[in-house]
């Protein structure tokens, strides 16, 4: 499952920690756009959803990391 699917109401589920263990930086918006060919707005909303659900923390100028 790609991170962009979070935008459609799907959730990464419990398996997200296997791919992205705690403390791991997730792909940037730009990386998501390039990898999954989604709009930047979609990538931004997916990250915001993950952040709102408490799954990630965003550190300005550093990236977004799994909690």
N, C-alpha and C. Protein backbone atom coordinates (compact mmCIF):
# COMPACT_ATOMS: atom_id res chain seq x y z
N UNK A 1 0.86 -1.17 0.00
CA UNK A 1 0.00 0.00 0.00
C UNK A 1 0.90 1.23 0.00
N UNK A 2 0.58 2.18 -0.83
CA UNK A 2 1.38 3.40 -0.88
C UNK A 2 0.83 4.43 0.09
N UNK A 3 1.68 5.38 0.46
CA UNK A 3 1.25 6.43 1.39
C UNK A 3 0.14 7.26 0.79
N UNK A 4 0.10 7.37 -0.52
CA UNK A 4 -0.93 8.21 -1.14
C UNK A 4 -2.32 7.63 -0.96
N UNK A 5 -2.45 6.34 -0.66
CA UNK A 5 -3.76 5.75 -0.43
C UNK A 5 -4.41 6.27 0.84
N UNK A 6 -3.60 6.83 1.74
CA UNK A 6 -4.17 7.39 2.96
C UNK A 6 -5.16 8.50 2.64
N UNK A 7 -4.97 9.15 1.51
CA UNK A 7 -5.86 10.24 1.11
C UNK A 7 -7.25 9.72 0.77
N UNK A 8 -7.37 8.47 0.36
CA UNK A 8 -8.67 7.93 -0.04
C UNK A 8 -9.45 7.34 1.13
N UNK A 9 -8.93 7.51 2.34
CA UNK A 9 -9.63 6.99 3.50
C UNK A 9 -9.02 5.70 4.02
N UNK A 10 -8.13 5.07 3.23
CA UNK A 10 -7.44 3.88 3.71
C UNK A 10 -6.36 4.31 4.68
N UNK A 11 -5.97 3.41 5.55
CA UNK A 11 -4.94 3.72 6.53
C UNK A 11 -3.76 2.79 6.31
N UNK A 12 -2.56 3.24 6.68
CA UNK A 12 -1.39 2.38 6.51
C UNK A 12 -1.53 1.06 7.25
N UNK A 13 -2.31 1.05 8.32
CA UNK A 13 -2.53 -0.18 9.07
C UNK A 13 -1.33 -0.54 9.93
N UNK A 14 -1.44 -1.66 10.64
CA UNK A 14 -0.36 -2.05 11.56
C UNK A 14 0.93 -2.41 10.84
N UNK A 15 0.89 -2.71 9.55
CA UNK A 15 2.10 -3.10 8.83
C UNK A 15 3.00 -1.93 8.50
N UNK A 16 2.53 -0.70 8.71
CA UNK A 16 3.36 0.45 8.35
C UNK A 16 4.66 0.48 9.13
N UNK A 17 4.69 -0.10 10.31
CA UNK A 17 5.92 -0.08 11.11
C UNK A 17 6.98 -1.03 10.57
N UNK A 18 6.59 -2.03 9.80
CA UNK A 18 7.59 -2.91 9.19
C UNK A 18 8.37 -2.17 8.12
N UNK A 19 7.67 -1.36 7.34
CA UNK A 19 8.32 -0.62 6.26
C UNK A 19 8.98 0.65 6.77
N UNK A 20 8.35 1.29 7.72
CA UNK A 20 8.85 2.54 8.29
C UNK A 20 8.88 2.43 9.81
N UNK A 21 9.94 1.85 10.38
CA UNK A 21 10.02 1.72 11.83
C UNK A 21 10.04 3.09 12.52
N UNK A 22 9.76 3.09 13.80
CA UNK A 22 9.77 4.32 14.59
C UNK A 22 11.07 5.09 14.35
N UNK A 23 10.93 6.40 14.13
CA UNK A 23 12.08 7.25 13.91
C UNK A 23 12.53 7.35 12.46
N UNK A 24 11.95 6.55 11.58
CA UNK A 24 12.31 6.58 10.17
C UNK A 24 11.67 7.78 9.48
N UNK A 25 12.43 8.43 8.60
CA UNK A 25 11.88 9.53 7.82
C UNK A 25 11.07 8.95 6.67
N UNK A 26 9.85 9.44 6.51
CA UNK A 26 9.02 8.99 5.39
C UNK A 26 9.37 9.84 4.17
N UNK A 27 8.96 9.41 2.98
CA UNK A 27 9.26 10.20 1.78
C UNK A 27 8.70 11.62 1.87
N UNK A 28 9.42 12.54 1.26
CA UNK A 28 8.97 13.93 1.20
C UNK A 28 7.81 14.05 0.21
N UNK A 29 7.15 15.19 0.22
CA UNK A 29 6.09 15.44 -0.77
C UNK A 29 6.63 15.23 -2.18
N UNK A 30 7.79 15.79 -2.45
CA UNK A 30 8.39 15.68 -3.79
C UNK A 30 8.67 14.23 -4.16
N UNK A 31 9.17 13.46 -3.21
CA UNK A 31 9.44 12.04 -3.47
C UNK A 31 8.15 11.28 -3.74
N UNK A 32 7.09 11.61 -3.00
CA UNK A 32 5.80 10.95 -3.22
C UNK A 32 5.25 11.28 -4.62
N UNK A 33 5.37 12.55 -5.00
CA UNK A 33 4.90 12.99 -6.32
C UNK A 33 5.63 12.21 -7.42
N UNK A 34 6.93 12.11 -7.28
CA UNK A 34 7.73 11.42 -8.30
C UNK A 34 7.50 9.90 -8.29
N UNK A 35 7.48 9.30 -7.11
CA UNK A 35 7.36 7.85 -6.99
C UNK A 35 5.98 7.34 -7.39
N UNK A 36 4.95 7.99 -6.87
CA UNK A 36 3.59 7.48 -7.07
C UNK A 36 2.77 8.29 -8.07
N UNK A 37 3.41 9.30 -8.65
CA UNK A 37 2.76 10.12 -9.68
C UNK A 37 1.41 10.67 -9.21
N UNK A 38 1.44 11.26 -8.02
CA UNK A 38 0.24 11.90 -7.45
C UNK A 38 0.47 13.40 -7.44
N UNK A 39 -0.60 14.14 -7.31
CA UNK A 39 -0.49 15.59 -7.21
C UNK A 39 0.16 15.96 -5.88
N UNK A 40 0.89 17.07 -5.86
CA UNK A 40 1.52 17.53 -4.62
C UNK A 40 0.47 17.74 -3.53
N UNK A 41 -0.72 18.22 -3.92
CA UNK A 41 -1.79 18.43 -2.95
C UNK A 41 -2.18 17.11 -2.28
N UNK A 42 -2.22 16.04 -3.06
CA UNK A 42 -2.56 14.72 -2.52
C UNK A 42 -1.49 14.26 -1.53
N UNK A 43 -0.22 14.44 -1.89
CA UNK A 43 0.88 14.06 -1.00
C UNK A 43 0.82 14.87 0.29
N UNK A 44 0.56 16.15 0.17
CA UNK A 44 0.47 17.04 1.33
C UNK A 44 -0.67 16.61 2.25
N UNK A 45 -1.82 16.29 1.66
CA UNK A 45 -2.97 15.86 2.48
C UNK A 45 -2.71 14.52 3.14
N UNK A 46 -2.02 13.63 2.46
CA UNK A 46 -1.70 12.32 3.04
C UNK A 46 -0.81 12.49 4.28
N UNK A 47 0.21 13.35 4.16
CA UNK A 47 1.09 13.60 5.30
C UNK A 47 0.31 14.25 6.43
N UNK A 48 -0.56 15.20 6.10
CA UNK A 48 -1.37 15.87 7.13
C UNK A 48 -2.27 14.87 7.85
N UNK A 49 -2.85 13.93 7.10
CA UNK A 49 -3.70 12.90 7.71
C UNK A 49 -2.89 12.04 8.68
N UNK A 50 -1.72 11.61 8.26
CA UNK A 50 -0.86 10.81 9.13
C UNK A 50 -0.47 11.58 10.39
N UNK A 51 -0.17 12.87 10.22
CA UNK A 51 0.18 13.72 11.36
C UNK A 51 -1.02 13.89 12.29
N UNK A 52 -2.20 14.15 11.72
CA UNK A 52 -3.42 14.33 12.52
C UNK A 52 -3.77 13.08 13.32
N UNK A 53 -3.44 11.92 12.78
CA UNK A 53 -3.73 10.65 13.47
C UNK A 53 -2.62 10.26 14.44
N UNK A 54 -1.60 11.10 14.55
CA UNK A 54 -0.54 10.84 15.51
C UNK A 54 0.46 9.79 15.07
N UNK A 55 0.51 9.49 13.79
CA UNK A 55 1.43 8.45 13.30
C UNK A 55 2.80 9.00 12.95
N UNK A 56 2.87 10.31 12.65
CA UNK A 56 4.15 10.92 12.27
C UNK A 56 4.27 12.30 12.91
N UNK A 57 5.50 12.78 12.98
CA UNK A 57 5.81 14.14 13.42
C UNK A 57 6.61 14.81 12.32
N UNK A 58 6.30 16.06 12.01
CA UNK A 58 7.04 16.80 11.01
C UNK A 58 7.96 17.80 11.71
N UNK A 59 9.23 17.77 11.32
CA UNK A 59 10.23 18.68 11.86
C UNK A 59 10.62 19.62 10.71
N UNK A 60 10.34 20.93 10.84
CA UNK A 60 10.65 21.86 9.76
C UNK A 60 12.12 21.74 9.31
N UNK A 61 12.32 21.74 8.01
CA UNK A 61 13.63 21.67 7.38
C UNK A 61 14.35 20.33 7.60
N UNK A 62 13.68 19.37 8.24
CA UNK A 62 14.30 18.07 8.51
C UNK A 62 13.55 16.92 7.84
N UNK A 63 12.21 16.95 7.94
CA UNK A 63 11.41 15.89 7.35
C UNK A 63 10.30 15.44 8.27
N UNK A 64 9.63 14.38 7.85
CA UNK A 64 8.53 13.81 8.61
C UNK A 64 8.94 12.42 9.05
N UNK A 65 8.78 12.16 10.33
CA UNK A 65 9.28 10.92 10.94
C UNK A 65 8.17 10.13 11.61
N UNK A 66 8.29 8.80 11.54
CA UNK A 66 7.32 7.90 12.17
C UNK A 66 7.47 8.00 13.67
N UNK A 67 6.32 8.10 14.35
CA UNK A 67 6.33 8.13 15.83
C UNK A 67 6.57 6.76 16.39
